[in-house]
PDB file of N, CA and C in Angstrom:
ATOM      1  N   MET A   1       7.960  14.984 -12.304  1.00  0.00           N
ATOM      2  CA  MET A   1       6.878  14.171 -11.799  1.00  0.00           C
ATOM      3  C   MET A   1       7.384  13.438 -10.555  1.00  0.00           C
ATOM      4  N   ARG A   2       6.532  13.387  -9.550  1.00  0.00           N
ATOM      5  CA  ARG A   2       6.849  12.712  -8.286  1.00  0.00           C
ATOM      6  C   ARG A   2       6.068  11.402  -8.225  1.00  0.00           C
ATOM      7  N   ILE A   3       6.815  10.297  -8.074  1.00  0.00           N
ATOM      8  CA  ILE A   3       6.220   8.967  -8.126  1.00  0.00           C
ATOM      9  C   ILE A   3       6.438   8.239  -6.814  1.00  0.00           C
ATOM     10  N   LEU A   4       5.375   7.634  -6.300  1.00  0.00           N
ATOM     11  CA  LEU A   4       5.447   6.824  -5.085  1.00  0.00           C
ATOM     12  C   LEU A   4       5.226   5.367  -5.456  1.00  0.00           C
ATOM     13  N   LEU A   5       6.175   4.497  -5.040  1.00  0.00           N
ATOM     14  CA  LEU A   5       6.055   3.059  -5.263  1.00  0.00           C
ATOM     15  C   LEU A   5       5.479   2.407  -4.019  1.00  0.00           C
ATOM     16  N   ASP A   6       4.440   1.608  -4.190  1.00  0.00           N
ATOM     17  CA  ASP A   6       3.814   0.898  -3.081  1.00  0.00           C
ATOM     18  C   ASP A   6       4.796  -0.106  -2.481  1.00  0.00           C
ATOM     19  N   GLU A   7       4.497  -0.582  -1.284  1.00  0.00           N
ATOM     20  CA  GLU A   7       5.364  -1.533  -0.580  1.00  0.00           C
ATOM     21  C   GLU A   7       5.631  -2.795  -1.386  1.00  0.00           C
ATOM     22  N   CYS A   8       4.672  -3.214  -2.185  1.00  0.00           N
ATOM     23  CA  CYS A   8       4.784  -4.475  -2.915  1.00  0.00           C
ATOM     24  C   CYS A   8       5.547  -4.345  -4.237  1.00  0.00           C
ATOM     25  N   ILE A   9       5.941  -3.140  -4.591  1.00  0.00           N
ATOM     26  CA  ILE A   9       6.691  -2.922  -5.829  1.00  0.00           C
ATOM     27  C   ILE A   9       8.183  -3.074  -5.528  1.00  0.00           C
ATOM     28  N   PRO A  10       8.912  -3.851  -6.324  1.00  0.00           N
ATOM     29  CA  PRO A  10      10.353  -3.997  -6.086  1.00  0.00           C
ATOM     30  C   PRO A  10      11.075  -2.645  -6.187  1.00  0.00           C
ATOM     31  N   ARG A  11      11.874  -2.340  -5.192  1.00  0.00           N
ATOM     32  CA  ARG A  11      12.592  -1.062  -5.157  1.00  0.00           C
ATOM     33  C   ARG A  11      13.453  -0.807  -6.389  1.00  0.00           C
ATOM     34  N   PRO A  12      14.061  -1.852  -6.989  1.00  0.00           N
ATOM     35  CA  PRO A  12      14.889  -1.600  -8.167  1.00  0.00           C
ATOM     36  C   PRO A  12      14.138  -0.978  -9.346  1.00  0.00           C
ATOM     37  N   LEU A  13      12.815  -1.016  -9.332  1.00  0.00           N
ATOM     38  CA  LEU A  13      12.053  -0.378 -10.404  1.00  0.00           C
ATOM     39  C   LEU A  13      12.406   1.103 -10.515  1.00  0.00           C
ATOM     40  N   ALA A  14      12.749   1.720  -9.417  1.00  0.00           N
ATOM     41  CA  ALA A  14      13.078   3.149  -9.408  1.00  0.00           C
ATOM     42  C   ALA A  14      14.240   3.477 -10.326  1.00  0.00           C
ATOM     43  N   GLN A  15      15.160   2.555 -10.502  1.00  0.00           N
ATOM     44  CA  GLN A  15      16.318   2.825 -11.358  1.00  0.00           C
ATOM     45  C   GLN A  15      15.919   2.956 -12.824  1.00  0.00           C
ATOM     46  N   TYR A  16      14.744   2.476 -13.175  1.00  0.00           N
ATOM     47  CA  TYR A  16      14.256   2.602 -14.541  1.00  0.00           C
ATOM     48  C   TYR A  16      13.493   3.909 -14.767  1.00  0.00           C
ATOM     49  N   LEU A  17      13.442   4.728 -13.735  1.00  0.00           N
ATOM     50  CA  LEU A  17      12.753   6.019 -13.803  1.00  0.00           C
ATOM     51  C   LEU A  17      13.713   7.136 -13.374  1.00  0.00           C
ATOM     52  N   PRO A  18      14.888   7.232 -13.993  1.00  0.00           N
ATOM     53  CA  PRO A  18      15.923   8.147 -13.503  1.00  0.00           C
ATOM     54  C   PRO A  18      15.585   9.629 -13.621  1.00  0.00           C
ATOM     55  N   ASP A  19      14.678   9.971 -14.489  1.00  0.00           N
ATOM     56  CA  ASP A  19      14.344  11.389 -14.687  1.00  0.00           C
ATOM     57  C   ASP A  19      13.242  11.889 -13.766  1.00  0.00           C
ATOM     58  N   TYR A  20      12.823  11.034 -12.832  1.00  0.00           N
ATOM     59  CA  TYR A  20      11.721  11.375 -11.944  1.00  0.00           C
ATOM     60  C   TYR A  20      12.144  11.291 -10.488  1.00  0.00           C
ATOM     61  N   TYR A  21      11.412  11.997  -9.642  1.00  0.00           N
ATOM     62  CA  TYR A  21      11.581  11.896  -8.193  1.00  0.00           C
ATOM     63  C   TYR A  21      10.774  10.678  -7.766  1.00  0.00           C
ATOM     64  N   VAL A  22      11.461   9.618  -7.341  1.00  0.00           N
ATOM     65  CA  VAL A  22      10.792   8.360  -6.991  1.00  0.00           C
ATOM     66  C   VAL A  22      11.137   7.983  -5.556  1.00  0.00           C
ATOM     67  N   ARG A  23      10.108   7.666  -4.789  1.00  0.00           N
ATOM     68  CA  ARG A  23      10.284   7.194  -3.421  1.00  0.00           C
ATOM     69  C   ARG A  23       9.376   5.992  -3.211  1.00  0.00           C
ATOM     70  N   THR A  24       9.718   5.191  -2.207  1.00  0.00           N
ATOM     71  CA  THR A  24       8.878   4.046  -1.854  1.00  0.00           C
ATOM     72  C   THR A  24       8.079   4.389  -0.602  1.00  0.00           C
ATOM     73  N   VAL A  25       7.017   3.647  -0.392  1.00  0.00           N
ATOM     74  CA  VAL A  25       6.203   3.842   0.807  1.00  0.00           C
ATOM     75  C   VAL A  25       7.066   3.717   2.067  1.00  0.00           C
ATOM     76  N   PRO A  26       7.921   2.683   2.198  1.00  0.00           N
ATOM     77  CA  PRO A  26       8.768   2.607   3.395  1.00  0.00           C
ATOM     78  C   PRO A  26       9.741   3.780   3.534  1.00  0.00           C
ATOM     79  N   GLN A  27      10.288   4.275   2.426  1.00  0.00           N
ATOM     80  CA  GLN A  27      11.185   5.421   2.496  1.00  0.00           C
ATOM     81  C   GLN A  27      10.477   6.649   3.066  1.00  0.00           C
ATOM     82  N   MET A  28       9.192   6.750   2.813  1.00  0.00           N
ATOM     83  CA  MET A  28       8.418   7.879   3.309  1.00  0.00           C
ATOM     84  C   MET A  28       7.974   7.677   4.759  1.00  0.00           C
ATOM     85  N   GLY A  29       8.242   6.486   5.319  1.00  0.00           N
ATOM     86  CA  GLY A  29       7.810   6.194   6.686  1.00  0.00           C
ATOM     87  C   GLY A  29       6.350   5.805   6.769  1.00  0.00           C
ATOM     88  N   TRP A  30       5.784   5.368   5.650  1.00  0.00           N
ATOM     89  CA  TRP A  30       4.364   5.055   5.590  1.00  0.00           C
ATOM     90  C   TRP A  30       4.084   3.557   5.486  1.00  0.00           C
ATOM     91  N   ALA A  31       5.054   2.723   5.824  1.00  0.00           N
ATOM     92  CA  ALA A  31       4.860   1.274   5.756  1.00  0.00           C
ATOM     93  C   ALA A  31       3.690   0.868   6.647  1.00  0.00           C
ATOM     94  N   SER A  32       2.889  -0.030   6.189  1.00  0.00           N
ATOM     95  CA  SER A  32       1.732  -0.579   6.909  1.00  0.00           C
ATOM     96  C   SER A  32       0.587   0.414   7.113  1.00  0.00           C
ATOM     97  N   VAL A  33       0.645   1.571   6.477  1.00  0.00           N
ATOM     98  CA  VAL A  33      -0.468   2.522   6.539  1.00  0.00           C
ATOM     99  C   VAL A  33      -1.571   1.991   5.623  1.00  0.00           C
ATOM    100  N   ILE A  34      -2.811   2.009   6.080  1.00  0.00           N
ATOM    101  CA  ILE A  34      -3.911   1.477   5.268  1.00  0.00           C
ATOM    102  C   ILE A  34      -4.127   2.341   4.026  1.00  0.00           C
ATOM    103  N   ASN A  35      -4.662   1.715   2.969  1.00  0.00           N
ATOM    104  CA  ASN A  35      -4.742   2.363   1.663  1.00  0.00           C
ATOM    105  C   ASN A  35      -5.431   3.718   1.656  1.00  0.00           C
ATOM    106  N   GLY A  36      -6.556   3.853   2.327  1.00  0.00           N
ATOM    107  CA  GLY A  36      -7.266   5.140   2.309  1.00  0.00           C
ATOM    108  C   GLY A  36      -6.405   6.268   2.842  1.00  0.00           C
ATOM    109  N   VAL A  37      -5.737   6.031   3.955  1.00  0.00           N
ATOM    110  CA  VAL A  37      -4.853   7.037   4.550  1.00  0.00           C
ATOM    111  C   VAL A  37      -3.618   7.221   3.669  1.00  0.00           C
ATOM    112  N   LEU A  38      -3.089   6.121   3.160  1.00  0.00           N
ATOM    113  CA  LEU A  38      -1.906   6.176   2.300  1.00  0.00           C
ATOM    114  C   LEU A  38      -2.166   7.025   1.058  1.00  0.00           C
ATOM    115  N   LEU A  39      -3.312   6.851   0.455  1.00  0.00           N
ATOM    116  CA  LEU A  39      -3.631   7.636  -0.739  1.00  0.00           C
ATOM    117  C   LEU A  39      -3.745   9.120  -0.431  1.00  0.00           C
ATOM    118  N   LYS A  40      -4.289   9.463   0.724  1.00  0.00           N
ATOM    119  CA  LYS A  40      -4.372  10.880   1.114  1.00  0.00           C
ATOM    120  C   LYS A  40      -2.974  11.456   1.348  1.00  0.00           C
ATOM    121  N   LEU A  41      -2.106  10.697   2.020  1.00  0.00           N
ATOM    122  CA  LEU A  41      -0.724  11.140   2.238  1.00  0.00           C
ATOM    123  C   LEU A  41      -0.007  11.304   0.898  1.00  0.00           C
ATOM    124  N   ALA A  42      -0.166  10.323   0.025  1.00  0.00           N
ATOM    125  CA  ALA A  42       0.499  10.356  -1.276  1.00  0.00           C
ATOM    126  C   ALA A  42       0.006  11.526  -2.124  1.00  0.00           C
ATOM    127  N   GLU A  43      -1.275  11.777  -2.067  1.00  0.00           N
ATOM    128  CA  GLU A  43      -1.880  12.853  -2.858  1.00  0.00           C
ATOM    129  C   GLU A  43      -1.276  14.217  -2.518  1.00  0.00           C
ATOM    130  N   ALA A  44      -0.875  14.382  -1.269  1.00  0.00           N
ATOM    131  CA  ALA A  44      -0.316  15.660  -0.836  1.00  0.00           C
ATOM    132  C   ALA A  44       1.117  15.881  -1.332  1.00  0.00           C
ATOM    133  N   GLU A  45       1.839  14.785  -1.662  1.00  0.00           N
ATOM    134  CA  GLU A  45       3.255  14.926  -2.008  1.00  0.00           C
ATOM    135  C   GLU A  45       3.665  14.327  -3.349  1.00  0.00           C
ATOM    136  N   PHE A  46       2.779  13.558  -3.979  1.00  0.00           N
ATOM    137  CA  PHE A  46       3.142  12.860  -5.207  1.00  0.00           C
ATOM    138  C   PHE A  46       2.109  13.077  -6.299  1.00  0.00           C
ATOM    139  N   ASP A  47       2.537  12.811  -7.529  1.00  0.00           N
ATOM    140  CA  ASP A  47       1.649  12.912  -8.690  1.00  0.00           C
ATOM    141  C   ASP A  47       1.098  11.552  -9.097  1.00  0.00           C
ATOM    142  N   VAL A  48       1.904  10.485  -8.865  1.00  0.00           N
ATOM    143  CA  VAL A  48       1.549   9.142  -9.317  1.00  0.00           C
ATOM    144  C   VAL A  48       1.852   8.131  -8.212  1.00  0.00           C
ATOM    145  N   PHE A  49       0.971   7.161  -8.070  1.00  0.00           N
ATOM    146  CA  PHE A  49       1.154   6.063  -7.129  1.00  0.00           C
ATOM    147  C   PHE A  49       1.150   4.773  -7.937  1.00  0.00           C
ATOM    148  N   ILE A  50       2.217   3.960  -7.816  1.00  0.00           N
ATOM    149  CA  ILE A  50       2.320   2.702  -8.545  1.00  0.00           C
ATOM    150  C   ILE A  50       2.161   1.547  -7.562  1.00  0.00           C
ATOM    151  N   THR A  51       1.265   0.626  -7.892  1.00  0.00           N
ATOM    152  CA  THR A  51       0.956  -0.505  -7.026  1.00  0.00           C
ATOM    153  C   THR A  51       0.668  -1.747  -7.867  1.00  0.00           C
ATOM    154  N   VAL A  52       0.538  -2.888  -7.214  1.00  0.00           N
ATOM    155  CA  VAL A  52       0.051  -4.102  -7.881  1.00  0.00           C
ATOM    156  C   VAL A  52      -1.294  -4.515  -7.287  1.00  0.00           C
ATOM    157  N   ASP A  53      -1.856  -3.682  -6.441  1.00  0.00           N
ATOM    158  CA  ASP A  53      -3.120  -3.968  -5.762  1.00  0.00           C
ATOM    159  C   ASP A  53      -4.282  -3.785  -6.736  1.00  0.00           C
ATOM    160  N   LYS A  54      -4.707  -4.880  -7.361  1.00  0.00           N
ATOM    161  CA  LYS A  54      -5.798  -4.819  -8.342  1.00  0.00           C
ATOM    162  C   LYS A  54      -7.119  -4.387  -7.727  1.00  0.00           C
ATOM    163  N   GLY A  55      -7.270  -4.607  -6.441  1.00  0.00           N
ATOM    164  CA  GLY A  55      -8.530  -4.285  -5.789  1.00  0.00           C
ATOM    165  C   GLY A  55      -8.655  -2.843  -5.343  1.00  0.00           C
ATOM    166  N   ILE A  56      -7.629  -2.041  -5.550  1.00  0.00           N
ATOM    167  CA  ILE A  56      -7.645  -0.673  -5.029  1.00  0.00           C
ATOM    168  C   ILE A  56      -8.821   0.132  -5.566  1.00  0.00           C
ATOM    169  N   ARG A  57      -9.197  -0.093  -6.800  1.00  0.00           N
ATOM    170  CA  ARG A  57     -10.309   0.684  -7.364  1.00  0.00           C
ATOM    171  C   ARG A  57     -11.650   0.288  -6.758  1.00  0.00           C
ATOM    172  N   TYR A  58     -11.723  -0.916  -6.196  1.00  0.00           N
ATOM    173  CA  TYR A  58     -12.958  -1.363  -5.553  1.00  0.00           C
ATOM    174  C   TYR A  58     -12.968  -1.046  -4.058  1.00  0.00           C
ATOM    175  N   GLN A  59     -11.778  -0.956  -3.468  1.00  0.00           N
ATOM    176  CA  GLN A  59     -11.664  -0.735  -2.026  1.00  0.00           C
ATOM    177  C   GLN A  59     -11.695   0.744  -1.655  1.00  0.00           C
ATOM    178  N   GLN A  60     -11.347   1.616  -2.586  1.00  0.00           N
ATOM    179  CA  GLN A  60     -11.231   3.040  -2.285  1.00  0.00           C
ATOM    180  C   GLN A  60     -12.099   3.856  -3.236  1.00  0.00           C
ATOM    181  N   ASN A  61     -12.566   5.003  -2.766  1.00  0.00           N
ATOM    182  CA  ASN A  61     -13.290   5.932  -3.625  1.00  0.00           C
ATOM    183  C   ASN A  61     -12.248   6.792  -4.337  1.00  0.00           C
ATOM    184  N   LEU A  62     -12.002   6.485  -5.585  1.00  0.00           N
ATOM    185  CA  LEU A  62     -10.950   7.179  -6.333  1.00  0.00           C
ATOM    186  C   LEU A  62     -11.470   8.373  -7.126  1.00  0.00           C
ATOM    187  N   ARG A  63     -12.741   8.612  -7.082  1.00  0.00           N
ATOM    188  CA  ARG A  63     -13.313   9.721  -7.861  1.00  0.00           C
ATOM    189  C   ARG A  63     -12.833  11.092  -7.391  1.00  0.00           C
ATOM    190  N   SER A  64     -12.513  11.201  -6.119  1.00  0.00           N
ATOM    191  CA  SER A  64     -12.136  12.511  -5.589  1.00  0.00           C
ATOM    192  C   SER A  64     -10.628  12.744  -5.562  1.00  0.00           C
ATOM    193  N   THR A  65      -9.833  11.767  -5.959  1.00  0.00           N
ATOM    194  CA  THR A  65      -8.386  11.931  -5.893  1.00  0.00           C
ATOM    195  C   THR A  65      -7.837  12.576  -7.161  1.00  0.00           C
ATOM    196  N   VAL A  66      -6.796  13.358  -6.998  1.00  0.00           N
ATOM    197  CA  VAL A  66      -6.093  13.935  -8.145  1.00  0.00           C
ATOM    198  C   VAL A  66      -4.804  13.151  -8.413  1.00  0.00           C
ATOM    199  N   LEU A  67      -4.575  12.142  -7.610  1.00  0.00           N
ATOM    200  CA  LEU A  67      -3.395  11.298  -7.723  1.00  0.00           C
ATOM    201  C   LEU A  67      -3.578  10.305  -8.872  1.00  0.00           C
ATOM    202  N   GLY A  68      -2.592  10.236  -9.746  1.00  0.00           N
ATOM    203  CA  GLY A  68      -2.620   9.219 -10.795  1.00  0.00           C
ATOM    204  C   GLY A  68      -2.280   7.870 -10.176  1.00  0.00           C
ATOM    205  N   ILE A  69      -3.038   6.850 -10.480  1.00  0.00           N
ATOM    206  CA  ILE A  69      -2.794   5.526  -9.916  1.00  0.00           C
ATOM    207  C   ILE A  69      -2.537   4.545 -11.051  1.00  0.00           C
ATOM    208  N   VAL A  70      -1.395   3.885 -10.968  1.00  0.00           N
ATOM    209  CA  VAL A  70      -1.011   2.892 -11.969  1.00  0.00           C
ATOM    210  C   VAL A  70      -0.996   1.535 -11.274  1.00  0.00           C
ATOM    211  N   VAL A  71      -1.770   0.588 -11.801  1.00  0.00           N
ATOM    212  CA  VAL A  71      -1.807  -0.759 -11.245  1.00  0.00           C
ATOM    213  C   VAL A  71      -1.058  -1.666 -12.224  1.00  0.00           C
ATOM    214  N   LEU A  72       0.076  -2.182 -11.769  1.00  0.00           N
ATOM    215  CA  LEU A  72       0.869  -3.079 -12.593  1.00  0.00           C
ATOM    216  C   LEU A  72       0.345  -4.501 -12.453  1.00  0.00           C
ATOM    217  N   ARG A  73       0.420  -5.239 -13.513  1.00  0.00           N
ATOM    218  CA  ARG A  73      -0.005  -6.629 -13.500  1.00  0.00           C
ATOM    219  C   ARG A  73       1.211  -7.514 -13.267  1.00  0.00           C
ATOM    220  N   ARG A  74       1.097  -8.408 -12.327  1.00  0.00           N
ATOM    221  CA  ARG A  74       2.179  -9.357 -12.078  1.00  0.00           C
ATOM    222  C   ARG A  74       2.127 -10.447 -13.130  1.00  0.00           C
ATOM    223  N   THR A  75       3.310 -10.887 -13.534  1.00  0.00           N
ATOM    224  CA  THR A  75       3.392 -11.990 -14.477  1.00  0.00           C
ATOM    225  C   THR A  75       4.161 -13.124 -13.832  1.00  0.00           C
ATOM    226  N   GLN A  76       4.043 -14.298 -14.406  1.00  0.00           N
ATOM    227  CA  GLN A  76       4.833 -15.427 -13.926  1.00  0.00           C
ATOM    228  C   GLN A  76       6.293 -15.119 -14.225  1.00  0.00           C
ATOM    229  N   GLN A  77       7.149 -15.378 -13.272  1.00  0.00           N
ATOM    230  CA  GLN A  77       8.561 -15.145 -13.519  1.00  0.00           C
ATOM    231  C   GLN A  77       9.331 -16.432 -13.324  1.00  0.00           C
ATOM    232  N   SER A  78      10.345 -16.603 -14.128  1.00  0.00           N
ATOM    233  CA  SER A  78      11.167 -17.790 -13.976  1.00  0.00           C
ATOM    234  C   SER A  78      12.128 -17.582 -12.818  1.00  0.00           C
ATOM    235  N   PRO A  79      12.586 -18.658 -12.196  1.00  0.00           N
ATOM    236  CA  PRO A  79      13.508 -18.520 -11.051  1.00  0.00           C
ATOM    237  C   PRO A  79      14.731 -17.687 -11.436  1.00  0.00           C
ATOM    238  N   GLY A  80      15.097 -16.765 -10.560  1.00  0.00           N
ATOM    239  CA  GLY A  80      16.275 -15.945 -10.784  1.00  0.00           C
ATOM    240  C   GLY A  80      16.013 -14.702 -11.618  1.00  0.00           C
ATOM    241  N   THR A  81      14.783 -14.479 -12.039  1.00  0.00           N
ATOM    242  CA  THR A  81      14.459 -13.302 -12.823  1.00  0.00           C
ATOM    243  C   THR A  81      13.604 -12.377 -11.987  1.00  0.00           C
ATOM    244  N   SER A  82      14.090 -11.177 -11.743  1.00  0.00           N
ATOM    245  CA  SER A  82      13.319 -10.239 -10.936  1.00  0.00           C
ATOM    246  C   SER A  82      12.328  -9.496 -11.807  1.00  0.00           C
ATOM    247  N   ALA A  83      11.270  -9.027 -11.197  1.00  0.00           N
ATOM    248  CA  ALA A  83      10.254  -8.259 -11.924  1.00  0.00           C
ATOM    249  C   ALA A  83      10.844  -6.980 -12.469  1.00  0.00           C
ATOM    250  N   ALA A  84      11.745  -6.344 -11.739  1.00  0.00           N
ATOM    251  CA  ALA A  84      12.351  -5.093 -12.176  1.00  0.00           C
ATOM    252  C   ALA A  84      13.221  -5.308 -13.406  1.00  0.00           C
ATOM    253  N   ALA A  85      13.846  -6.452 -13.518  1.00  0.00           N
ATOM    254  CA  ALA A  85      14.702  -6.733 -14.662  1.00  0.00           C
ATOM    255  C   ALA A  85      13.883  -6.847 -15.951  1.00  0.00           C
ATOM    256  N   ARG A  86      12.621  -7.229 -15.822  1.00  0.00           N
ATOM    257  CA  ARG A  86      11.767  -7.355 -16.996  1.00  0.00           C
ATOM    258  C   ARG A  86      11.059  -6.057 -17.332  1.00  0.00           C
ATOM    259  N   ALA A  87      11.071  -5.100 -16.419  1.00  0.00           N
ATOM    260  CA  ALA A  87      10.327  -3.856 -16.605  1.00  0.00           C
ATOM    261  C   ALA A  87      10.870  -3.039 -17.757  1.00  0.00           C
TER     262      ALA A  87
END
């Protein structure tokens, strides 16, 4: 499975997915690309897109995509605790 992590996802999350091909949006050279274009680019090369953008389902027409989209929920974190460490 090929997984793309959105810009807002901490890069260390990839270490928790060792059996998968994982890249970040910046690694792909797609930093600052708007969501509609980003989803089309991702759809051509990835199976799953992971983001924290809760509004993506309202901002984009997702009915025509074959890309799996996972929206992670942010939680309150205590100082010194990274989101990836809790994943």
